[in-house]
Protein backbone atom coordinates (compact mmCIF):
# COMPACT_ATOMS: atom_id res chain seq x y z
CA MET A 1 -0.11 -0.11 -0.15
CA ILE A 2 1.37 3.31 -0.88
CA THR A 3 2.28 5.62 2.12
CA GLU A 4 3.28 8.80 0.22
CA ILE A 5 4.41 9.84 -2.97
CA ARG A 6 6.46 12.81 -3.94
CA PHE A 7 6.66 14.42 -7.03
CA GLU A 8 10.02 16.43 -8.03
CA THR A 9 10.01 18.56 -11.09
CA THR A 10 13.23 20.62 -12.00
CA GLU A 11 13.46 23.13 -15.20
CA SER A 12 16.95 23.20 -16.37
CA GLY A 13 18.25 25.84 -18.88
CA PRO A 14 19.68 29.66 -18.27
CA LEU A 15 19.01 31.46 -15.23
CA LEU A 16 16.52 34.01 -15.69
CA PRO A 17 15.13 36.57 -12.64
CA ASN A 18 11.96 35.82 -10.91
CA GLN A 19 11.87 32.11 -12.75
CA GLU A 20 10.31 28.87 -11.04
CA ARG A 21 12.70 26.51 -11.35
CA VAL A 22 12.07 23.37 -8.94
CA HIS A 23 8.56 22.13 -7.81
CA ASP A 24 8.46 19.22 -5.00
CA VAL A 25 5.05 18.01 -4.08
CA ARG A 26 4.72 15.47 -1.18
CA ILE A 27 1.35 13.86 -0.70
CA THR A 28 0.76 11.42 2.64
CA ARG A 29 -1.86 8.94 3.33
CA LYS A 30 -2.63 10.73 6.43
CA GLY A 31 -3.60 13.60 4.43
CA LEU A 32 -0.59 16.27 4.65
CA ILE A 33 0.51 17.96 1.06
CA VAL A 34 3.60 19.94 1.27
CA HIS A 35 4.47 21.79 -1.78
CA GLU A 36 7.81 23.59 -2.00
CA LEU A 37 8.88 25.92 -4.47
CA LEU A 38 12.38 27.31 -5.64
CA SER A 39 12.92 29.98 -7.86
CA THR A 40 15.11 32.63 -8.66
CA LYS A 41 15.06 36.11 -7.40
CA GLU A 42 14.33 39.57 -9.27
CA ALA A 43 16.84 41.24 -11.48
CA GLY A 44 19.66 42.63 -9.71
CA GLU A 45 19.17 39.91 -6.36
CA ARG A 46 21.40 36.90 -5.70
CA GLY A 47 20.36 33.68 -4.74
CA MET A 48 17.40 31.59 -4.54
CA ARG A 49 14.03 32.04 -3.01
CA HIS A 50 12.47 28.93 -1.27
CA THR A 51 8.64 29.16 -0.33
CA ARG A 52 7.28 26.26 1.56
CA ASN A 53 3.43 25.56 1.83
CA GLU A 54 1.35 22.84 3.56
CA TYR A 55 -2.21 21.82 3.14
CA ASN A 56 -4.29 19.47 5.36
CA ILE A 57 -7.07 17.15 3.41
CA ASP A 58 -9.02 14.57 4.65
CA PRO A 59 -7.14 11.41 5.08
CA ASP A 60 -9.63 9.41 3.51
CA ARG A 61 -9.55 11.26 0.20
CA ALA A 62 -5.72 11.17 0.28
CA ALA A 63 -6.02 7.53 0.66
CA ALA A 64 -8.26 7.15 -2.11
CA PHE A 65 -5.85 9.11 -4.06
CA LEU A 66 -3.22 6.84 -3.10
CA ASP A 67 -4.93 3.84 -3.79
CA SER A 68 -6.04 4.87 -7.40
CA LEU A 69 -2.45 5.30 -8.75
CA THR A 70 -2.07 1.51 -7.84
CA THR A 71 -5.71 0.46 -9.15
CA GLU A 72 -6.07 3.14 -11.93
CA PHE A 73 -2.67 3.65 -12.94
CA GLN A 74 -0.71 0.50 -12.37
CA VAL A 75 2.33 2.56 -10.82
CA GLY A 76 4.17 -0.46 -9.65
CA GLU A 77 4.55 -1.14 -13.29
CA TRP A 78 6.57 1.92 -14.38
CA PRO A 79 9.89 1.59 -15.40
CA THR A 80 12.73 3.76 -13.44
CA ASP A 81 13.42 5.82 -16.73
CA PHE A 82 10.49 7.51 -19.09
CA GLY A 83 13.08 9.74 -19.94
CA SER A 84 14.24 11.33 -23.62
CA PRO A 85 17.80 13.27 -23.25
CA VAL A 86 17.19 16.79 -23.23
CA LEU A 87 19.48 19.55 -22.73
CA GLU A 88 17.09 22.08 -21.64
CA GLY A 89 13.54 21.75 -20.17
CA ARG A 90 11.67 20.12 -17.20
CA THR A 91 12.62 16.75 -15.87
CA TYR A 92 10.67 14.92 -12.94
CA GLU A 93 11.53 12.32 -10.60
CA VAL A 94 8.64 10.29 -8.73
CA THR A 95 9.15 8.66 -5.38
CA ILE A 96 6.80 6.26 -3.94
CA LEU A 97 6.97 4.91 -0.35
CA GLN A 98 5.27 1.51 0.56
CA ASP A 99 4.01 0.55 3.76
CA ASP A 100 6.51 -2.33 3.71
CA GLY A 101 9.49 0.26 3.52
CA SER A 102 10.01 -0.29 -0.22
CA VAL A 103 10.75 2.76 -2.63
CA GLN A 104 10.19 2.93 -5.76
CA ARG A 105 11.64 5.66 -8.14
CA SER A 106 10.75 6.60 -11.89
CA ARG A 107 11.85 9.67 -13.85
CA GLY A 108 11.80 11.27 -17.13
CA THR A 109 11.83 14.12 -19.12
CA VAL A 110 9.51 14.42 -22.26
CA ASP A 111 7.60 11.65 -22.01
CA LEU A 112 5.18 11.39 -19.39
CA PRO A 113 4.15 8.03 -17.50
CA PRO A 114 0.87 6.31 -18.65
CA GLY A 115 -1.92 8.16 -17.22
CA GLY A 116 0.51 11.19 -16.25
CA GLU A 117 -2.12 14.32 -17.29
CA GLU A 118 -4.83 12.73 -15.26
CA ILE A 119 -2.57 12.12 -12.12
CA ALA A 120 -1.49 15.60 -12.39
CA MET A 121 -5.04 17.01 -12.79
CA ALA A 122 -5.74 14.97 -9.47
CA VAL A 123 -3.27 16.33 -7.37
CA ARG A 124 -4.37 19.86 -8.33
CA ARG A 125 -7.82 18.91 -7.39
CA LEU A 126 -6.83 17.62 -4.06
CA ALA A 127 -6.04 21.51 -2.19
CA ALA A 128 -6.37 24.89 -3.20
CA PHE A 129 -2.92 25.37 -3.89
CA LYS A 130 -1.43 29.05 -3.72
CA LYS A 131 0.48 28.27 -6.66
CA ASP A 132 -0.55 25.40 -9.37
CA PRO A 133 2.14 22.58 -8.55
CA TRP A 134 3.82 21.47 -11.28
CA VAL A 135 3.67 17.37 -11.35
CA PHE A 136 5.56 15.81 -14.11
């Protein structure tokens, strides 16, 4: 049984001011969703800006979402790499934690896993995110 899933999506390429670079979304069976965002600062400012938002949803709703990943999207059958070589663009890594302690990882670039768009939409419907999360 899936206890947690994490989607880490990264934008590569030249750094531009005030640009989102990383979205990290973690969803737990207990109903906690953590969305972390790393972005460049305004022009003339150095460094990166880190934002973290937490959302609490009904644990039954979180469990139903996590269970659907197995029943509807067969995430257990995903290969470890959906990637196509790219120099710039988005890359993603999905980490799935199981109740037996096992960890499954899949990563990719251009090609989404089966049902990827539907999974991304389902994630966005789980909470009223302050910033639209990147999922894949």
